[in-house]
Amino acid sequence: MREGTLYVWEWKGLRLIIVISMIINFLVNPGFTLLPILVTKHFGGGALELAWLQSANGIGMILGGLTLGVWGGFKKRVVTAFSALVVSGVFVVAIGVMPAHLFLLAVGSMFCFSFLNAIKRDLPRLDTIHSPSGDPGSRLHPPDEPERLDGPPGHGRGWPRG
C-alpha cells in the first residue's frame, strides 16, 4: 500500500488529475442531483426537457467511450485525461450559466461534458498499475480509490464497501 501511494504521489500528472477531479466532482455532483430543479425553475421546462438533458448525458458518455476505444487517446494517457478534464469543465460551467432561452445549447453542452468525461477515464485504474519494484504479479494499491471520496457523503461516496 505504501509503495502504491508513493508511486502515485511521485507521478505528478496523475496526482494533479486525481486532485483536480476530486475537487471538480465534489463541486459538480450536487449540481447533477439538482438538475430537475435547474430544468423546472431556470429553464421553465418539465419532464421532457429533463429527459433531453439526461439523454444527452447518456449518449455523450456512450459515444465518448466508443471514440476513446477507436481513437485510443494521445500517446501519453495523462495528456488525454487532463485535456478532457479541462475542456469538460468548460462545458459544465456553460450549463450552469446558460440563459434560460438557450436550453438546446445547454443540451449540447451536457452532451459535450459527458463525451469528454468518458474520455477523461483514459487513465488506468490505480489498482491495475504494475508495481515499479518489478515483483511479478504485484500491483499498486493506494490507500483507497481517492475518486470514491470526491462527492458529498450524502451521495453514498466515501463509505467503505461491503
N, C-alpha and C. Protein backbone atom coordinates (compact mmCIF):
# COMPACT_ATOMS: atom_id res chain seq x y z
N MET A 1 0.83 -1.18 0.00
CA MET A 1 0.00 0.00 0.00
C MET A 1 0.89 1.26 0.00
N ARG A 2 1.93 1.24 0.78
CA ARG A 2 2.83 2.38 0.86
C ARG A 2 3.49 2.64 -0.50
N GLU A 3 3.90 1.55 -1.15
CA GLU A 3 4.57 1.69 -2.44
C GLU A 3 3.62 2.31 -3.47
N GLY A 4 2.38 1.88 -3.46
CA GLY A 4 1.40 2.43 -4.40
C GLY A 4 1.13 3.90 -4.15
N THR A 5 0.99 4.28 -2.89
CA THR A 5 0.76 5.68 -2.56
C THR A 5 1.94 6.54 -2.98
N LEU A 6 3.14 6.08 -2.71
CA LEU A 6 4.34 6.83 -3.10
C LEU A 6 4.45 6.95 -4.61
N TYR A 7 4.12 5.88 -5.31
CA TYR A 7 4.20 5.89 -6.77
C TYR A 7 3.24 6.93 -7.35
N VAL A 8 2.01 6.95 -6.87
CA VAL A 8 1.04 7.92 -7.35
C VAL A 8 1.47 9.33 -6.96
N TRP A 9 2.00 9.49 -5.76
CA TRP A 9 2.42 10.81 -5.30
C TRP A 9 3.56 11.36 -6.16
N GLU A 10 4.46 10.49 -6.59
CA GLU A 10 5.60 10.93 -7.39
C GLU A 10 5.24 11.16 -8.86
N TRP A 11 4.13 10.58 -9.32
CA TRP A 11 3.69 10.77 -10.69
C TRP A 11 2.87 12.06 -10.73
N LYS A 12 3.54 13.17 -11.05
CA LYS A 12 2.94 14.50 -10.93
C LYS A 12 1.64 14.65 -11.73
N GLY A 13 1.64 14.17 -12.96
CA GLY A 13 0.45 14.30 -13.79
C GLY A 13 -0.74 13.55 -13.21
N LEU A 14 -0.52 12.33 -12.77
CA LEU A 14 -1.60 11.54 -12.20
C LEU A 14 -2.11 12.18 -10.91
N ARG A 15 -1.18 12.63 -10.07
CA ARG A 15 -1.56 13.27 -8.82
C ARG A 15 -2.39 14.52 -9.10
N LEU A 16 -1.98 15.32 -10.08
CA LEU A 16 -2.70 16.53 -10.42
C LEU A 16 -4.12 16.21 -10.91
N ILE A 17 -4.24 15.21 -11.75
CA ILE A 17 -5.56 14.84 -12.25
C ILE A 17 -6.46 14.32 -11.14
N ILE A 18 -5.91 13.52 -10.24
CA ILE A 18 -6.71 12.99 -9.13
C ILE A 18 -7.24 14.13 -8.26
N VAL A 19 -6.38 15.07 -7.92
CA VAL A 19 -6.79 16.18 -7.06
C VAL A 19 -7.80 17.07 -7.77
N ILE A 20 -7.53 17.44 -9.01
CA ILE A 20 -8.46 18.30 -9.74
C ILE A 20 -9.80 17.59 -9.96
N SER A 21 -9.76 16.30 -10.29
CA SER A 21 -11.01 15.54 -10.49
C SER A 21 -11.83 15.49 -9.21
N MET A 22 -11.14 15.29 -8.09
CA MET A 22 -11.87 15.24 -6.82
C MET A 22 -12.54 16.57 -6.52
N ILE A 23 -11.83 17.67 -6.74
CA ILE A 23 -12.41 18.99 -6.47
C ILE A 23 -13.58 19.27 -7.40
N ILE A 24 -13.38 19.02 -8.68
CA ILE A 24 -14.46 19.27 -9.65
C ILE A 24 -15.66 18.40 -9.34
N ASN A 25 -15.44 17.11 -9.10
CA ASN A 25 -16.56 16.22 -8.83
C ASN A 25 -17.27 16.59 -7.53
N PHE A 26 -16.52 17.05 -6.54
CA PHE A 26 -17.14 17.46 -5.28
C PHE A 26 -18.07 18.65 -5.51
N LEU A 27 -17.68 19.53 -6.41
CA LEU A 27 -18.49 20.72 -6.69
C LEU A 27 -19.60 20.45 -7.71
N VAL A 28 -19.37 19.53 -8.64
CA VAL A 28 -20.31 19.30 -9.74
C VAL A 28 -21.39 18.28 -9.38
N ASN A 29 -21.05 17.24 -8.64
CA ASN A 29 -22.03 16.18 -8.36
C ASN A 29 -23.32 16.69 -7.73
N PRO A 30 -23.27 17.59 -6.75
CA PRO A 30 -24.55 18.10 -6.23
C PRO A 30 -25.37 18.81 -7.30
N GLY A 31 -24.70 19.44 -8.25
CA GLY A 31 -25.42 20.12 -9.32
C GLY A 31 -26.23 19.15 -10.17
N PHE A 32 -25.69 17.97 -10.41
CA PHE A 32 -26.43 16.98 -11.20
C PHE A 32 -27.57 16.39 -10.39
N THR A 33 -27.43 16.35 -9.10
CA THR A 33 -28.54 15.91 -8.25
C THR A 33 -29.69 16.91 -8.34
N LEU A 34 -29.34 18.17 -8.50
CA LEU A 34 -30.35 19.22 -8.55
C LEU A 34 -30.76 19.58 -9.98
N LEU A 35 -30.40 18.75 -10.94
CA LEU A 35 -30.73 19.01 -12.34
C LEU A 35 -32.23 19.20 -12.58
N PRO A 36 -33.11 18.42 -11.95
CA PRO A 36 -34.54 18.66 -12.16
C PRO A 36 -34.98 20.07 -11.75
N ILE A 37 -34.37 20.59 -10.70
CA ILE A 37 -34.72 21.95 -10.27
C ILE A 37 -34.21 22.96 -11.29
N LEU A 38 -33.01 22.74 -11.83
CA LEU A 38 -32.48 23.63 -12.86
C LEU A 38 -33.42 23.67 -14.06
N VAL A 39 -33.91 22.50 -14.46
CA VAL A 39 -34.79 22.43 -15.63
C VAL A 39 -36.12 23.13 -15.36
N THR A 40 -36.72 22.90 -14.20
CA THR A 40 -38.04 23.48 -13.94
C THR A 40 -37.97 24.96 -13.58
N LYS A 41 -37.06 25.32 -12.70
CA LYS A 41 -37.03 26.71 -12.22
C LYS A 41 -36.30 27.67 -13.16
N HIS A 42 -35.17 27.23 -13.72
CA HIS A 42 -34.40 28.14 -14.56
C HIS A 42 -34.84 28.10 -16.02
N PHE A 43 -34.92 26.89 -16.57
CA PHE A 43 -35.27 26.77 -17.98
C PHE A 43 -36.78 26.74 -18.21
N GLY A 44 -37.56 26.62 -17.15
CA GLY A 44 -39.01 26.62 -17.29
C GLY A 44 -39.55 25.38 -17.98
N GLY A 45 -38.83 24.29 -17.89
CA GLY A 45 -39.23 23.07 -18.56
C GLY A 45 -39.90 22.08 -17.61
N GLY A 46 -40.08 20.88 -18.13
CA GLY A 46 -40.71 19.82 -17.36
C GLY A 46 -39.97 18.51 -17.58
N ALA A 47 -40.73 17.43 -17.54
CA ALA A 47 -40.14 16.10 -17.65
C ALA A 47 -39.47 15.87 -19.00
N LEU A 48 -40.05 16.40 -20.06
CA LEU A 48 -39.48 16.21 -21.39
C LEU A 48 -38.11 16.89 -21.51
N GLU A 49 -38.00 18.10 -20.99
CA GLU A 49 -36.73 18.82 -21.05
C GLU A 49 -35.66 18.14 -20.18
N LEU A 50 -36.07 17.64 -19.04
CA LEU A 50 -35.14 16.89 -18.19
C LEU A 50 -34.68 15.63 -18.91
N ALA A 51 -35.60 14.98 -19.61
CA ALA A 51 -35.24 13.78 -20.37
C ALA A 51 -34.23 14.11 -21.48
N TRP A 52 -34.38 15.28 -22.11
CA TRP A 52 -33.43 15.70 -23.13
C TRP A 52 -32.03 15.83 -22.54
N LEU A 53 -31.93 16.48 -21.39
CA LEU A 53 -30.62 16.65 -20.75
C LEU A 53 -30.03 15.31 -20.32
N GLN A 54 -30.84 14.46 -19.74
CA GLN A 54 -30.34 13.17 -19.29
C GLN A 54 -29.99 12.26 -20.46
N SER A 55 -30.73 12.36 -21.54
CA SER A 55 -30.40 11.59 -22.74
C SER A 55 -29.08 12.07 -23.34
N ALA A 56 -28.89 13.39 -23.39
CA ALA A 56 -27.63 13.94 -23.89
C ALA A 56 -26.47 13.45 -23.03
N ASN A 57 -26.70 13.35 -21.73
CA ASN A 57 -25.68 12.85 -20.81
C ASN A 57 -25.32 11.40 -21.15
N GLY A 58 -26.31 10.56 -21.29
CA GLY A 58 -26.06 9.15 -21.58
C GLY A 58 -25.45 8.91 -22.95
N ILE A 59 -25.99 9.59 -23.96
CA ILE A 59 -25.47 9.43 -25.33
C ILE A 59 -24.03 9.93 -25.41
N GLY A 60 -23.76 11.06 -24.76
CA GLY A 60 -22.40 11.59 -24.75
C GLY A 60 -21.42 10.64 -24.10
N MET A 61 -21.83 10.01 -23.01
CA MET A 61 -20.96 9.07 -22.32
C MET A 61 -20.67 7.84 -23.20
N ILE A 62 -21.70 7.32 -23.85
CA ILE A 62 -21.51 6.14 -24.71
C ILE A 62 -20.62 6.49 -25.91
N LEU A 63 -20.92 7.59 -26.58
CA LEU A 63 -20.12 7.96 -27.75
C LEU A 63 -18.69 8.36 -27.37
N GLY A 64 -18.52 8.96 -26.21
CA GLY A 64 -17.18 9.28 -25.73
C GLY A 64 -16.36 8.02 -25.48
N GLY A 65 -16.99 7.02 -24.88
CA GLY A 65 -16.30 5.75 -24.65
C GLY A 65 -15.96 5.05 -25.95
N LEU A 66 -16.90 5.06 -26.89
CA LEU A 66 -16.63 4.45 -28.20
C LEU A 66 -15.51 5.18 -28.94
N THR A 67 -15.54 6.51 -28.87
CA THR A 67 -14.49 7.30 -29.52
C THR A 67 -13.12 6.98 -28.92
N LEU A 68 -13.06 6.91 -27.61
CA LEU A 68 -11.79 6.59 -26.96
C LEU A 68 -11.34 5.18 -27.33
N GLY A 69 -12.29 4.27 -27.44
CA GLY A 69 -11.94 2.90 -27.82
C GLY A 69 -11.37 2.81 -29.23
N VAL A 70 -11.91 3.60 -30.15
CA VAL A 70 -11.43 3.59 -31.53
C VAL A 70 -10.14 4.41 -31.68
N TRP A 71 -10.15 5.60 -31.09
CA TRP A 71 -9.03 6.53 -31.22
C TRP A 71 -7.85 6.11 -30.36
N GLY A 72 -8.12 5.74 -29.14
CA GLY A 72 -7.06 5.33 -28.23
C GLY A 72 -6.45 6.45 -27.42
N GLY A 73 -6.73 7.68 -27.73
CA GLY A 73 -6.19 8.80 -26.98
C GLY A 73 -4.80 9.19 -27.44
N PHE A 74 -4.25 10.20 -26.78
CA PHE A 74 -2.90 10.65 -27.09
C PHE A 74 -1.90 9.61 -26.60
N LYS A 75 -0.66 9.76 -27.04
CA LYS A 75 0.38 8.81 -26.66
C LYS A 75 0.51 8.72 -25.14
N LYS A 76 0.49 9.87 -24.47
CA LYS A 76 0.52 9.91 -23.01
C LYS A 76 -0.91 9.98 -22.51
N ARG A 77 -1.33 8.97 -21.78
CA ARG A 77 -2.71 8.90 -21.31
C ARG A 77 -3.04 10.05 -20.38
N VAL A 78 -2.06 10.54 -19.65
CA VAL A 78 -2.29 11.66 -18.75
C VAL A 78 -2.69 12.90 -19.54
N VAL A 79 -2.10 13.11 -20.71
CA VAL A 79 -2.44 14.26 -21.55
C VAL A 79 -3.89 14.14 -22.03
N THR A 80 -4.28 12.95 -22.44
CA THR A 80 -5.67 12.74 -22.87
C THR A 80 -6.63 13.05 -21.74
N ALA A 81 -6.37 12.49 -20.57
CA ALA A 81 -7.28 12.67 -19.44
C ALA A 81 -7.31 14.12 -18.97
N PHE A 82 -6.16 14.76 -18.89
CA PHE A 82 -6.12 16.14 -18.40
C PHE A 82 -6.79 17.08 -19.40
N SER A 83 -6.56 16.89 -20.68
CA SER A 83 -7.20 17.73 -21.70
C SER A 83 -8.72 17.60 -21.63
N ALA A 84 -9.19 16.37 -21.54
CA ALA A 84 -10.63 16.14 -21.46
C ALA A 84 -11.21 16.73 -20.17
N LEU A 85 -10.46 16.64 -19.09
CA LEU A 85 -10.91 17.19 -17.81
C LEU A 85 -11.09 18.70 -17.90
N VAL A 86 -10.13 19.39 -18.46
CA VAL A 86 -10.19 20.85 -18.56
C VAL A 86 -11.34 21.29 -19.46
N VAL A 87 -11.44 20.68 -20.64
CA VAL A 87 -12.48 21.11 -21.59
C VAL A 87 -13.87 20.73 -21.08
N SER A 88 -14.00 19.57 -20.42
CA SER A 88 -15.30 19.20 -19.86
C SER A 88 -15.73 20.17 -18.77
N GLY A 89 -14.76 20.72 -18.05
CA GLY A 89 -15.07 21.74 -17.04
C GLY A 89 -15.68 22.98 -17.66
N VAL A 90 -15.21 23.34 -18.83
CA VAL A 90 -15.78 24.50 -19.53
C VAL A 90 -17.26 24.24 -19.86
N PHE A 91 -17.55 23.03 -20.31
CA PHE A 91 -18.93 22.72 -20.69
C PHE A 91 -19.86 22.65 -19.48
N VAL A 92 -19.38 22.14 -18.37
CA VAL A 92 -20.25 22.06 -17.20
C VAL A 92 -20.51 23.46 -16.63
N VAL A 93 -19.54 24.34 -16.71
CA VAL A 93 -19.77 25.74 -16.30
C VAL A 93 -20.76 26.39 -17.26
N ALA A 94 -20.65 26.08 -18.54
CA ALA A 94 -21.58 26.64 -19.53
C ALA A 94 -23.02 26.25 -19.22
N ILE A 95 -23.22 25.01 -18.78
CA ILE A 95 -24.58 24.58 -18.41
C ILE A 95 -25.10 25.43 -17.26
N GLY A 96 -24.24 25.72 -16.31
CA GLY A 96 -24.66 26.47 -15.13
C GLY A 96 -24.96 27.94 -15.39
N VAL A 97 -24.32 28.52 -16.38
CA VAL A 97 -24.54 29.95 -16.65
C VAL A 97 -25.38 30.20 -17.90
N MET A 98 -25.89 29.16 -18.49
CA MET A 98 -26.66 29.26 -19.73
C MET A 98 -27.96 30.04 -19.48
N PRO A 99 -28.24 31.07 -20.31
CA PRO A 99 -29.52 31.77 -20.19
C PRO A 99 -30.69 30.82 -20.49
N ALA A 100 -31.82 31.12 -19.90
CA ALA A 100 -32.98 30.24 -19.99
C ALA A 100 -33.45 30.00 -21.42
N HIS A 101 -33.28 30.97 -22.30
CA HIS A 101 -33.78 30.81 -23.66
C HIS A 101 -32.84 29.95 -24.54
N LEU A 102 -31.71 29.55 -24.01
CA LEU A 102 -30.76 28.74 -24.78
C LEU A 102 -30.72 27.29 -24.27
N PHE A 103 -31.89 26.74 -24.02
CA PHE A 103 -31.96 25.38 -23.47
C PHE A 103 -31.29 24.36 -24.38
N LEU A 104 -31.50 24.46 -25.70
CA LEU A 104 -30.89 23.48 -26.61
C LEU A 104 -29.36 23.55 -26.57
N LEU A 105 -28.82 24.72 -26.33
CA LEU A 105 -27.38 24.85 -26.16
C LEU A 105 -26.92 24.17 -24.87
N ALA A 106 -27.76 24.21 -23.84
CA ALA A 106 -27.46 23.51 -22.60
C ALA A 106 -27.45 22.00 -22.84
N VAL A 107 -28.36 21.52 -23.67
CA VAL A 107 -28.38 20.09 -24.02
C VAL A 107 -27.09 19.71 -24.74
N GLY A 108 -26.67 20.55 -25.68
CA GLY A 108 -25.40 20.31 -26.39
C GLY A 108 -24.21 20.34 -25.44
N SER A 109 -24.23 21.26 -24.49
CA SER A 109 -23.14 21.34 -23.51
C SER A 109 -23.12 20.09 -22.63
N MET A 110 -24.29 19.58 -22.29
CA MET A 110 -24.37 18.36 -21.48
C MET A 110 -23.78 17.18 -22.26
N PHE A 111 -24.11 17.11 -23.55
CA PHE A 111 -23.56 16.05 -24.38
C PHE A 111 -22.02 16.14 -24.42
N CYS A 112 -21.51 17.34 -24.66
CA CYS A 112 -20.05 17.52 -24.75
C CYS A 112 -19.38 17.22 -23.42
N PHE A 113 -19.99 17.64 -22.32
CA PHE A 113 -19.43 17.35 -20.99
C PHE A 113 -19.33 15.85 -20.77
N SER A 114 -20.40 15.12 -21.07
CA SER A 114 -20.41 13.67 -20.85
C SER A 114 -19.46 12.95 -21.80
N PHE A 115 -19.41 13.41 -23.04
CA PHE A 115 -18.50 12.84 -24.02
C PHE A 115 -17.06 12.94 -23.52
N LEU A 116 -16.68 14.13 -23.06
CA LEU A 116 -15.32 14.34 -22.57
C LEU A 116 -15.09 13.66 -21.23
N ASN A 117 -16.12 13.54 -20.44
CA ASN A 117 -16.00 12.85 -19.15
C ASN A 117 -15.66 11.37 -19.38
N ALA A 118 -16.21 10.78 -20.42
CA ALA A 118 -15.87 9.40 -20.75
C ALA A 118 -14.42 9.30 -21.21
N ILE A 119 -13.97 10.27 -21.97
CA ILE A 119 -12.58 10.27 -22.45
C ILE A 119 -11.61 10.50 -21.29
N LYS A 120 -12.06 11.26 -20.30
CA LYS A 120 -11.22 11.51 -19.12
C LYS A 120 -10.89 10.20 -18.41
N ARG A 121 -11.70 9.20 -18.59
CA ARG A 121 -11.48 7.91 -17.92
C ARG A 121 -10.36 7.11 -18.56
N ASP A 122 -9.58 7.72 -19.43
CA ASP A 122 -8.48 7.03 -20.09
C ASP A 122 -7.35 6.67 -19.13
N LEU A 123 -7.34 7.25 -17.97
CA LEU A 123 -6.30 6.89 -17.00
C LEU A 123 -6.48 5.45 -16.57
N PRO A 124 -5.40 4.75 -16.32
CA PRO A 124 -5.55 3.39 -15.82
C PRO A 124 -6.09 3.42 -14.40
N ARG A 125 -6.86 2.41 -14.06
CA ARG A 125 -7.31 2.30 -12.68
C ARG A 125 -6.07 2.15 -11.80
N LEU A 126 -6.12 2.77 -10.65
CA LEU A 126 -4.95 2.77 -9.79
C LEU A 126 -4.53 1.36 -9.37
N ASP A 127 -5.48 0.47 -9.26
CA ASP A 127 -5.12 -0.87 -8.81
C ASP A 127 -4.68 -1.79 -9.94
N THR A 128 -4.58 -1.26 -11.16
CA THR A 128 -4.11 -2.09 -12.27
C THR A 128 -2.73 -1.66 -12.76
N ILE A 129 -2.13 -0.68 -12.11
CA ILE A 129 -0.80 -0.24 -12.49
C ILE A 129 0.20 -1.20 -11.85
N HIS A 130 1.08 -1.75 -12.65
CA HIS A 130 2.07 -2.68 -12.12
C HIS A 130 3.07 -1.95 -11.25
N SER A 131 3.52 -2.61 -10.23
CA SER A 131 4.46 -2.05 -9.28
C SER A 131 5.79 -1.73 -9.93
N PRO A 132 6.38 -0.58 -9.60
CA PRO A 132 7.68 -0.24 -10.16
C PRO A 132 8.81 -1.13 -9.63
N SER A 133 8.56 -1.86 -8.55
CA SER A 133 9.60 -2.73 -7.99
C SER A 133 9.86 -3.93 -8.88
N GLY A 134 8.93 -4.22 -9.79
CA GLY A 134 9.12 -5.31 -10.73
C GLY A 134 8.75 -6.68 -10.18
N ASP A 135 8.18 -6.73 -8.99
CA ASP A 135 7.76 -8.02 -8.44
C ASP A 135 6.69 -8.61 -9.35
N PRO A 136 6.87 -9.86 -9.78
CA PRO A 136 5.87 -10.47 -10.66
C PRO A 136 4.50 -10.51 -9.98
N GLY A 137 3.53 -10.02 -10.67
CA GLY A 137 2.16 -10.09 -10.17
C GLY A 137 1.81 -9.01 -9.17
N SER A 138 2.77 -8.18 -8.76
CA SER A 138 2.42 -7.16 -7.77
C SER A 138 1.79 -5.97 -8.47
N ARG A 139 0.85 -5.39 -7.81
CA ARG A 139 0.14 -4.23 -8.34
C ARG A 139 0.09 -3.18 -7.25
N LEU A 140 -0.13 -1.95 -7.68
CA LEU A 140 -0.21 -0.87 -6.71
C LEU A 140 -1.57 -0.87 -6.04
N HIS A 141 -1.59 -0.58 -4.78
CA HIS A 141 -2.83 -0.48 -4.03
C HIS A 141 -2.77 0.76 -3.15
N PRO A 142 -3.08 1.94 -3.72
CA PRO A 142 -3.12 3.14 -2.88
C PRO A 142 -4.15 2.97 -1.78
N PRO A 143 -4.11 3.79 -0.75
CA PRO A 143 -4.94 3.59 0.44
C PRO A 143 -6.42 3.44 0.18
N ASP A 144 -6.94 3.84 -0.87
CA ASP A 144 -8.32 3.62 -1.30
C ASP A 144 -8.42 4.42 -2.58
N GLU A 145 -9.45 4.23 -3.29
CA GLU A 145 -9.58 4.99 -4.53
C GLU A 145 -9.99 6.41 -4.17
N PRO A 146 -9.08 7.39 -4.38
CA PRO A 146 -9.41 8.76 -4.00
C PRO A 146 -10.68 9.27 -4.67
N GLU A 147 -10.96 8.80 -5.88
CA GLU A 147 -12.13 9.30 -6.58
C GLU A 147 -13.42 8.89 -5.87
N ARG A 148 -13.37 7.86 -5.03
CA ARG A 148 -14.56 7.49 -4.26
C ARG A 148 -14.87 8.53 -3.20
N LEU A 149 -13.91 9.35 -2.87
CA LEU A 149 -14.09 10.34 -1.81
C LEU A 149 -14.44 11.71 -2.37
N ASP A 150 -14.72 11.79 -3.68
CA ASP A 150 -14.86 13.10 -4.30
C ASP A 150 -16.24 13.72 -4.20
N GLY A 151 -17.22 13.00 -3.74
CA GLY A 151 -18.56 13.56 -3.65
C GLY A 151 -18.98 13.72 -2.22
N PRO A 152 -20.04 14.48 -2.01
CA PRO A 152 -20.54 14.64 -0.64
C PRO A 152 -20.98 13.30 -0.07
N PRO A 153 -20.84 13.09 1.24
CA PRO A 153 -21.22 11.81 1.84
C PRO A 153 -22.66 11.42 1.58
N GLY A 154 -23.55 12.40 1.41
CA GLY A 154 -24.95 12.09 1.13
C GLY A 154 -25.15 11.37 -0.18
N HIS A 155 -24.16 11.37 -1.05
CA HIS A 155 -24.26 10.67 -2.33
C HIS A 155 -23.76 9.25 -2.22
N GLY A 156 -23.47 8.79 -1.02
CA GLY A 156 -23.06 7.41 -0.82
C GLY A 156 -21.62 7.14 -1.21
N ARG A 157 -20.84 8.18 -1.38
CA ARG A 157 -19.45 8.01 -1.73
C ARG A 157 -18.61 8.11 -0.48
N GLY A 158 -17.46 7.54 -0.55
CA GLY A 158 -16.54 7.66 0.56
C GLY A 158 -16.83 6.71 1.71
N TRP A 159 -17.83 5.87 1.57
CA TRP A 159 -18.13 4.91 2.61
C TRP A 159 -17.48 3.57 2.25
N PRO A 160 -17.08 2.82 3.24
CA PRO A 160 -16.43 1.53 2.94
C PRO A 160 -17.36 0.62 2.16
N ARG A 161 -16.75 -0.14 1.28
CA ARG A 161 -17.54 -1.12 0.51
C ARG A 161 -17.72 -2.37 1.35
N GLY A 162 -18.87 -3.00 1.17
CA GLY A 162 -19.17 -4.20 1.96
C GLY A 162 -18.74 -5.47 1.34
